[in-house]
N, C-alpha and C. Protein backbone atom coordinates (compact mmCIF):
# COMPACT_ATOMS: atom_id res chain seq x y z
N MET A 1 111.89 -0.16 46.47
CA MET A 1 113.06 -0.22 45.64
C MET A 1 112.71 -0.41 44.17
N ALA A 2 111.44 -0.24 43.84
CA ALA A 2 110.99 -0.42 42.45
C ALA A 2 111.78 0.50 41.53
N GLY A 3 112.24 -0.06 40.43
CA GLY A 3 112.97 0.73 39.44
C GLY A 3 114.47 0.78 39.67
N LEU A 4 114.94 0.38 40.85
CA LEU A 4 116.38 0.38 41.12
C LEU A 4 116.92 -1.02 40.85
N THR A 5 117.65 -1.16 39.78
CA THR A 5 118.06 -2.48 39.30
C THR A 5 119.12 -3.15 40.16
N HIS A 6 119.82 -2.41 41.00
CA HIS A 6 120.88 -3.00 41.81
C HIS A 6 120.40 -3.49 43.17
N PHE A 7 119.09 -3.59 43.34
CA PHE A 7 118.52 -4.12 44.58
C PHE A 7 117.54 -5.23 44.23
N ASP A 8 117.55 -6.30 45.04
CA ASP A 8 116.60 -7.38 44.82
C ASP A 8 115.28 -7.07 45.53
N ALA A 9 114.32 -7.99 45.49
CA ALA A 9 112.99 -7.77 46.07
C ALA A 9 113.05 -7.49 47.57
N GLU A 10 114.09 -7.99 48.25
CA GLU A 10 114.24 -7.77 49.70
C GLU A 10 115.04 -6.51 50.02
N GLY A 11 115.49 -5.80 48.99
CA GLY A 11 116.26 -4.58 49.21
C GLY A 11 117.75 -4.79 49.36
N HIS A 12 118.24 -5.98 49.05
CA HIS A 12 119.66 -6.26 49.13
C HIS A 12 120.36 -5.90 47.82
N ALA A 13 121.54 -5.34 47.94
CA ALA A 13 122.32 -5.00 46.75
C ALA A 13 122.76 -6.27 46.03
N HIS A 14 122.71 -6.23 44.71
CA HIS A 14 123.18 -7.36 43.90
C HIS A 14 123.63 -6.86 42.54
N MET A 15 124.46 -7.65 41.88
CA MET A 15 124.89 -7.32 40.53
C MET A 15 123.78 -7.74 39.57
N VAL A 16 123.40 -6.85 38.68
CA VAL A 16 122.33 -7.11 37.73
C VAL A 16 122.74 -8.25 36.80
N ASP A 17 121.83 -9.16 36.55
CA ASP A 17 122.07 -10.27 35.63
C ASP A 17 121.83 -9.79 34.20
N VAL A 18 122.88 -9.72 33.41
CA VAL A 18 122.76 -9.26 32.02
C VAL A 18 122.90 -10.41 31.02
N SER A 19 122.89 -11.63 31.52
CA SER A 19 123.17 -12.78 30.65
C SER A 19 122.17 -12.95 29.51
N ASP A 20 120.93 -12.49 29.69
CA ASP A 20 119.93 -12.62 28.62
C ASP A 20 119.89 -11.43 27.67
N LYS A 21 120.69 -10.40 27.95
CA LYS A 21 120.70 -9.22 27.09
C LYS A 21 121.57 -9.48 25.86
N PRO A 22 121.17 -8.94 24.72
CA PRO A 22 122.00 -9.14 23.52
C PRO A 22 123.27 -8.28 23.58
N VAL A 23 124.30 -8.72 22.91
CA VAL A 23 125.52 -7.94 22.75
C VAL A 23 125.25 -6.88 21.69
N THR A 24 125.45 -5.63 22.05
CA THR A 24 125.26 -4.53 21.09
C THR A 24 126.41 -3.55 21.23
N ALA A 25 126.61 -2.75 20.20
CA ALA A 25 127.60 -1.67 20.25
C ALA A 25 127.10 -0.61 21.21
N ARG A 26 127.97 -0.15 22.10
CA ARG A 26 127.59 0.84 23.10
C ARG A 26 128.67 1.90 23.20
N VAL A 27 128.22 3.12 23.51
CA VAL A 27 129.14 4.23 23.68
C VAL A 27 128.58 5.15 24.77
N ALA A 28 129.47 5.77 25.51
CA ALA A 28 129.07 6.78 26.49
C ALA A 28 130.14 7.85 26.56
N SER A 29 129.70 9.08 26.77
CA SER A 29 130.61 10.20 26.98
C SER A 29 130.23 10.91 28.26
N ALA A 30 131.24 11.39 28.96
CA ALA A 30 131.04 12.15 30.19
C ALA A 30 131.93 13.37 30.15
N ARG A 31 131.53 14.37 30.91
CA ARG A 31 132.31 15.62 31.00
C ARG A 31 132.46 16.04 32.44
N GLY A 32 133.48 16.84 32.67
CA GLY A 32 133.70 17.45 33.97
C GLY A 32 134.75 18.55 33.82
N HIS A 33 135.13 19.14 34.93
CA HIS A 33 136.12 20.21 34.87
C HIS A 33 136.90 20.32 36.18
N VAL A 34 138.02 21.00 36.09
CA VAL A 34 138.80 21.37 37.27
C VAL A 34 139.01 22.87 37.19
N LYS A 35 138.44 23.60 38.16
CA LYS A 35 138.65 25.05 38.25
C LYS A 35 139.84 25.30 39.14
N MET A 36 140.61 26.33 38.80
CA MET A 36 141.82 26.64 39.57
C MET A 36 142.07 28.13 39.58
N ALA A 37 142.99 28.54 40.42
CA ALA A 37 143.39 29.96 40.48
C ALA A 37 144.06 30.36 39.17
N ARG A 38 143.98 31.61 38.84
CA ARG A 38 144.59 32.14 37.61
C ARG A 38 146.08 31.80 37.55
N GLU A 39 146.77 31.95 38.68
CA GLU A 39 148.21 31.67 38.71
C GLU A 39 148.49 30.19 38.40
N THR A 40 147.66 29.31 38.92
CA THR A 40 147.81 27.87 38.67
C THR A 40 147.57 27.57 37.20
N PHE A 41 146.55 28.19 36.65
CA PHE A 41 146.25 28.01 35.22
C PHE A 41 147.44 28.43 34.37
N GLU A 42 148.06 29.54 34.71
CA GLU A 42 149.21 30.02 33.94
C GLU A 42 150.39 29.05 34.03
N ILE A 43 150.62 28.48 35.21
CA ILE A 43 151.67 27.47 35.37
C ILE A 43 151.38 26.28 34.45
N LEU A 44 150.13 25.84 34.45
CA LEU A 44 149.72 24.71 33.61
C LEU A 44 149.85 25.05 32.12
N ALA A 45 149.31 26.17 31.72
CA ALA A 45 149.31 26.57 30.31
C ALA A 45 150.72 26.78 29.77
N GLU A 46 151.61 27.24 30.61
CA GLU A 46 152.99 27.51 30.19
C GLU A 46 153.90 26.28 30.35
N GLY A 47 153.35 25.17 30.85
CA GLY A 47 154.13 23.95 31.00
C GLY A 47 155.16 24.02 32.11
N ARG A 48 154.87 24.79 33.17
CA ARG A 48 155.84 24.97 34.25
C ARG A 48 155.53 24.12 35.49
N ALA A 49 154.62 23.16 35.40
CA ALA A 49 154.29 22.32 36.56
C ALA A 49 155.50 21.47 36.91
N LYS A 50 155.86 21.46 38.18
CA LYS A 50 157.06 20.73 38.61
C LYS A 50 156.96 19.23 38.42
N LYS A 51 155.73 18.68 38.42
CA LYS A 51 155.57 17.24 38.26
C LYS A 51 155.55 16.80 36.80
N GLY A 52 155.61 17.75 35.85
CA GLY A 52 155.69 17.38 34.45
C GLY A 52 154.44 17.67 33.65
N ASP A 53 154.20 16.83 32.65
CA ASP A 53 153.12 16.99 31.68
C ASP A 53 151.77 16.65 32.32
N VAL A 54 151.14 17.63 32.92
CA VAL A 54 149.91 17.42 33.67
C VAL A 54 148.81 16.82 32.80
N LEU A 55 148.55 17.40 31.66
CA LEU A 55 147.45 16.93 30.82
C LEU A 55 147.74 15.54 30.23
N GLY A 56 148.98 15.27 29.87
CA GLY A 56 149.34 13.96 29.34
C GLY A 56 149.18 12.86 30.39
N VAL A 57 149.63 13.14 31.59
CA VAL A 57 149.51 12.15 32.67
C VAL A 57 148.03 11.97 33.04
N ALA A 58 147.28 13.07 33.08
CA ALA A 58 145.84 12.98 33.40
C ALA A 58 145.09 12.18 32.34
N ARG A 59 145.47 12.33 31.08
CA ARG A 59 144.83 11.56 29.99
C ARG A 59 145.07 10.06 30.21
N LEU A 60 146.31 9.69 30.50
CA LEU A 60 146.62 8.28 30.77
C LEU A 60 145.89 7.77 32.01
N ALA A 61 145.82 8.58 33.04
CA ALA A 61 145.11 8.19 34.26
C ALA A 61 143.63 7.95 33.97
N GLY A 62 143.03 8.80 33.14
CA GLY A 62 141.63 8.61 32.77
C GLY A 62 141.40 7.31 32.02
N ILE A 63 142.31 6.99 31.11
CA ILE A 63 142.21 5.72 30.37
C ILE A 63 142.31 4.55 31.34
N MET A 64 143.28 4.62 32.24
CA MET A 64 143.45 3.55 33.23
C MET A 64 142.22 3.44 34.14
N GLY A 65 141.66 4.60 34.53
CA GLY A 65 140.46 4.60 35.38
C GLY A 65 139.30 3.91 34.71
N ALA A 66 139.09 4.20 33.42
CA ALA A 66 138.00 3.54 32.69
C ALA A 66 138.18 2.03 32.68
N LYS A 67 139.41 1.59 32.46
CA LYS A 67 139.70 0.16 32.39
C LYS A 67 139.54 -0.54 33.74
N ARG A 68 139.62 0.21 34.84
CA ARG A 68 139.55 -0.39 36.17
C ARG A 68 138.24 -0.11 36.90
N THR A 69 137.24 0.38 36.20
CA THR A 69 135.98 0.76 36.83
C THR A 69 135.36 -0.38 37.64
N ALA A 70 135.34 -1.57 37.10
CA ALA A 70 134.74 -2.70 37.82
C ALA A 70 135.48 -3.03 39.11
N ASP A 71 136.74 -2.64 39.21
CA ASP A 71 137.51 -2.84 40.44
C ASP A 71 137.17 -1.78 41.49
N LEU A 72 136.64 -0.65 41.04
CA LEU A 72 136.38 0.47 41.94
C LEU A 72 134.92 0.60 42.36
N VAL A 73 134.01 0.26 41.46
CA VAL A 73 132.58 0.41 41.72
C VAL A 73 132.01 -1.00 41.88
N PRO A 74 131.58 -1.35 43.09
CA PRO A 74 131.30 -2.75 43.42
C PRO A 74 130.35 -3.51 42.51
N LEU A 75 129.33 -2.89 41.97
CA LEU A 75 128.34 -3.64 41.21
C LEU A 75 128.48 -3.48 39.69
N CYS A 76 129.58 -2.87 39.24
CA CYS A 76 129.82 -2.74 37.80
C CYS A 76 130.35 -4.04 37.24
N HIS A 77 129.90 -4.35 36.03
CA HIS A 77 130.41 -5.53 35.33
C HIS A 77 131.76 -5.21 34.70
N PRO A 78 132.70 -6.14 34.75
CA PRO A 78 133.92 -5.94 33.97
C PRO A 78 133.58 -6.05 32.48
N LEU A 79 134.04 -5.11 31.70
CA LEU A 79 133.65 -5.04 30.29
C LEU A 79 134.87 -5.06 29.37
N PRO A 80 134.70 -5.61 28.17
CA PRO A 80 135.77 -5.56 27.17
C PRO A 80 135.75 -4.20 26.46
N ILE A 81 136.41 -3.24 27.04
CA ILE A 81 136.42 -1.88 26.47
C ILE A 81 137.20 -1.90 25.17
N THR A 82 136.60 -1.30 24.13
CA THR A 82 137.26 -1.28 22.83
C THR A 82 137.88 0.08 22.51
N LYS A 83 137.46 1.14 23.24
CA LYS A 83 138.04 2.46 23.01
C LYS A 83 137.82 3.32 24.24
N VAL A 84 138.86 4.08 24.60
CA VAL A 84 138.74 5.15 25.60
C VAL A 84 139.49 6.34 25.02
N ALA A 85 138.81 7.46 24.90
CA ALA A 85 139.44 8.68 24.42
C ALA A 85 139.15 9.80 25.41
N LEU A 86 140.17 10.56 25.75
CA LEU A 86 140.01 11.70 26.65
C LEU A 86 140.49 12.97 25.98
N ASP A 87 139.70 14.02 26.09
CA ASP A 87 140.09 15.35 25.65
C ASP A 87 140.19 16.23 26.87
N LEU A 88 141.35 16.82 27.09
CA LEU A 88 141.56 17.77 28.18
C LEU A 88 141.88 19.11 27.54
N THR A 89 141.02 20.09 27.78
CA THR A 89 141.12 21.37 27.10
C THR A 89 141.28 22.49 28.12
N LEU A 90 142.31 23.30 27.91
CA LEU A 90 142.50 24.46 28.78
C LEU A 90 141.41 25.49 28.50
N ASP A 91 140.86 26.06 29.56
CA ASP A 91 139.82 27.08 29.44
C ASP A 91 140.25 28.29 30.26
N ALA A 92 140.74 29.32 29.57
CA ALA A 92 141.26 30.51 30.25
C ALA A 92 140.18 31.30 30.97
N GLU A 93 138.95 31.23 30.49
CA GLU A 93 137.87 31.97 31.13
C GLU A 93 137.47 31.38 32.47
N MET A 94 137.56 30.05 32.60
CA MET A 94 137.13 29.38 33.85
C MET A 94 137.92 29.89 35.05
N PRO A 95 139.14 29.97 35.23
CA PRO A 95 140.19 29.28 34.50
C PRO A 95 140.31 27.82 34.98
N GLY A 96 140.73 26.95 34.07
CA GLY A 96 140.88 25.55 34.44
C GLY A 96 140.94 24.64 33.23
N VAL A 97 140.55 23.39 33.46
CA VAL A 97 140.62 22.35 32.44
C VAL A 97 139.25 21.73 32.27
N ARG A 98 138.79 21.63 31.04
CA ARG A 98 137.57 20.89 30.73
C ARG A 98 137.98 19.49 30.27
N ILE A 99 137.26 18.49 30.77
CA ILE A 99 137.61 17.10 30.49
C ILE A 99 136.41 16.40 29.87
N GLU A 100 136.65 15.67 28.78
CA GLU A 100 135.61 14.84 28.18
C GLU A 100 136.19 13.47 27.87
N ALA A 101 135.45 12.43 28.25
CA ALA A 101 135.86 11.06 27.97
C ALA A 101 134.78 10.37 27.16
N THR A 102 135.20 9.56 26.20
CA THR A 102 134.30 8.72 25.43
C THR A 102 134.80 7.28 25.52
N VAL A 103 133.88 6.38 25.85
CA VAL A 103 134.22 4.98 26.02
C VAL A 103 133.30 4.15 25.14
N LYS A 104 133.87 3.12 24.48
CA LYS A 104 133.08 2.23 23.62
C LYS A 104 133.30 0.78 24.02
N THR A 105 132.28 -0.03 23.74
CA THR A 105 132.37 -1.47 23.90
C THR A 105 131.32 -2.13 23.03
N SER A 106 131.45 -3.42 22.85
CA SER A 106 130.37 -4.25 22.34
C SER A 106 130.08 -5.21 23.48
N GLY A 107 128.91 -5.07 24.07
CA GLY A 107 128.64 -5.88 25.24
C GLY A 107 127.17 -5.91 25.60
N GLN A 108 126.92 -6.42 26.79
CA GLN A 108 125.55 -6.59 27.26
C GLN A 108 125.11 -5.50 28.24
N THR A 109 126.00 -4.58 28.54
CA THR A 109 125.65 -3.47 29.42
C THR A 109 126.47 -2.26 29.00
N GLY A 110 126.02 -1.08 29.40
CA GLY A 110 126.61 0.17 28.93
C GLY A 110 127.90 0.56 29.62
N VAL A 111 128.50 1.63 29.13
CA VAL A 111 129.80 2.10 29.61
C VAL A 111 129.73 3.50 30.22
N GLU A 112 128.57 3.88 30.74
CA GLU A 112 128.45 5.18 31.38
C GLU A 112 129.38 5.30 32.59
N MET A 113 129.44 4.25 33.39
CA MET A 113 130.28 4.29 34.59
C MET A 113 131.75 4.40 34.22
N GLU A 114 132.15 3.77 33.14
CA GLU A 114 133.54 3.85 32.69
C GLU A 114 133.87 5.26 32.23
N ALA A 115 132.95 5.91 31.52
CA ALA A 115 133.18 7.29 31.08
C ALA A 115 133.26 8.24 32.28
N LEU A 116 132.37 8.06 33.25
CA LEU A 116 132.40 8.89 34.46
C LEU A 116 133.69 8.67 35.25
N THR A 117 134.12 7.43 35.34
CA THR A 117 135.35 7.12 36.07
C THR A 117 136.56 7.70 35.36
N ALA A 118 136.57 7.66 34.04
CA ALA A 118 137.66 8.25 33.27
C ALA A 118 137.78 9.75 33.55
N VAL A 119 136.66 10.46 33.52
CA VAL A 119 136.68 11.90 33.78
C VAL A 119 137.12 12.17 35.22
N SER A 120 136.58 11.42 36.15
CA SER A 120 136.90 11.63 37.56
C SER A 120 138.38 11.38 37.83
N THR A 121 138.91 10.31 37.27
CA THR A 121 140.32 9.96 37.49
C THR A 121 141.23 11.01 36.86
N ALA A 122 140.88 11.47 35.67
CA ALA A 122 141.68 12.53 35.03
C ALA A 122 141.64 13.80 35.86
N ALA A 123 140.47 14.18 36.37
CA ALA A 123 140.35 15.38 37.20
C ALA A 123 141.16 15.24 38.49
N LEU A 124 141.09 14.09 39.12
CA LEU A 124 141.87 13.85 40.34
C LEU A 124 143.37 13.95 40.06
N THR A 125 143.79 13.50 38.90
CA THR A 125 145.20 13.56 38.54
C THR A 125 145.65 15.00 38.32
N VAL A 126 144.82 15.81 37.65
CA VAL A 126 145.14 17.24 37.51
C VAL A 126 145.32 17.85 38.89
N TYR A 127 144.39 17.57 39.79
CA TYR A 127 144.48 18.09 41.16
C TYR A 127 145.79 17.63 41.81
N ASP A 128 146.07 16.34 41.74
CA ASP A 128 147.27 15.79 42.38
C ASP A 128 148.54 16.46 41.87
N MET A 129 148.61 16.69 40.58
CA MET A 129 149.83 17.23 40.00
C MET A 129 150.02 18.72 40.23
N LEU A 130 148.93 19.41 40.61
CA LEU A 130 149.02 20.87 40.82
C LEU A 130 148.74 21.29 42.27
N LYS A 131 148.43 20.35 43.14
CA LYS A 131 148.01 20.70 44.50
C LYS A 131 149.09 21.43 45.29
N ALA A 132 150.35 21.27 44.94
CA ALA A 132 151.42 21.96 45.66
C ALA A 132 151.29 23.48 45.54
N VAL A 133 150.68 23.94 44.45
CA VAL A 133 150.52 25.39 44.27
C VAL A 133 149.08 25.86 44.46
N ASP A 134 148.11 24.93 44.53
CA ASP A 134 146.70 25.35 44.63
C ASP A 134 145.84 24.24 45.24
N ARG A 135 145.71 24.26 46.54
CA ARG A 135 144.88 23.25 47.22
C ARG A 135 143.38 23.59 47.13
N ALA A 136 143.04 24.75 46.62
CA ALA A 136 141.63 25.17 46.53
C ALA A 136 140.99 24.83 45.19
N MET A 137 141.67 24.07 44.34
CA MET A 137 141.06 23.71 43.06
C MET A 137 139.75 22.99 43.30
N GLU A 138 138.83 23.15 42.37
CA GLU A 138 137.49 22.57 42.48
C GLU A 138 137.23 21.63 41.32
N LEU A 139 136.86 20.39 41.64
CA LEU A 139 136.46 19.41 40.63
C LEU A 139 134.95 19.44 40.55
N GLY A 140 134.39 19.49 39.36
CA GLY A 140 132.94 19.55 39.30
C GLY A 140 132.36 19.28 37.93
N GLY A 141 131.03 19.37 37.90
CA GLY A 141 130.29 19.22 36.66
C GLY A 141 130.36 17.85 36.03
N ILE A 142 130.74 16.83 36.79
CA ILE A 142 130.94 15.50 36.22
C ILE A 142 129.58 14.86 35.97
N ARG A 143 129.34 14.55 34.68
CA ARG A 143 128.03 14.00 34.29
C ARG A 143 128.12 13.29 32.95
N VAL A 144 127.17 12.40 32.74
CA VAL A 144 127.05 11.72 31.45
C VAL A 144 126.40 12.69 30.47
N VAL A 145 126.99 12.83 29.30
CA VAL A 145 126.42 13.71 28.28
C VAL A 145 125.91 12.94 27.06
N LEU A 146 126.32 11.66 26.95
CA LEU A 146 125.85 10.82 25.85
C LEU A 146 125.89 9.37 26.28
N LYS A 147 124.85 8.64 25.94
CA LYS A 147 124.79 7.18 26.13
C LYS A 147 124.01 6.65 24.95
N ASP A 148 124.58 5.64 24.28
CA ASP A 148 123.88 5.07 23.15
C ASP A 148 124.14 3.57 23.10
N GLY A 149 123.11 2.83 22.66
CA GLY A 149 123.20 1.39 22.56
C GLY A 149 122.37 0.70 23.62
N GLY A 150 122.00 -0.52 23.34
CA GLY A 150 121.21 -1.28 24.30
C GLY A 150 119.75 -0.98 24.19
N LYS A 151 118.98 -1.63 25.09
CA LYS A 151 117.53 -1.54 25.05
C LYS A 151 116.99 -0.13 25.29
N SER A 152 117.64 0.63 26.16
CA SER A 152 117.11 1.95 26.49
C SER A 152 117.43 3.00 25.44
N GLY A 153 118.25 2.66 24.43
CA GLY A 153 118.49 3.56 23.32
C GLY A 153 119.43 4.70 23.63
N ARG A 154 119.17 5.83 23.01
CA ARG A 154 120.09 6.98 23.05
C ARG A 154 119.64 8.00 24.08
N TYR A 155 120.63 8.53 24.81
CA TYR A 155 120.41 9.65 25.74
C TYR A 155 121.45 10.70 25.43
N GLU A 156 121.01 11.93 25.28
CA GLU A 156 121.92 13.06 25.12
C GLU A 156 121.51 14.13 26.11
N ALA A 157 122.47 14.62 26.89
CA ALA A 157 122.18 15.70 27.85
C ALA A 157 121.82 16.96 27.10
N LYS A 158 120.96 17.71 27.69
CA LYS A 158 120.54 18.99 27.09
C LYS A 158 121.51 20.07 27.43
């Protein structure tokens, strides 16, 4: 289990002790997408979804997801999140929605999990609001694209 911080010497899962780490400014961004049928995309783009403002509701769901990450992922620390921003962009070529979340905090551990949860929750909400017309939508590409702050420094996806 060498190198895996969420396991102790005996291989048992545990929450990492961050009490000796300094408080630093931290930011993380994640991206993902929801692919859908052309007809579903047109319903979304034209604002004809029966459940309402799909992108607006998905944006709020992503913010809420980031704020509740520690409740969903067992070994995540609850963090004082200072910013959550979500961009949901229609992509006619896909067709579908591209989602990007950026999360900030000043704390002793990073916010990568919060950014990933924000994107995932927003994508699930898009699916939920459009599933009546397209159960074959595909959620994918969810990954961290930026992490900065803390001892390990900056990471940017290529």
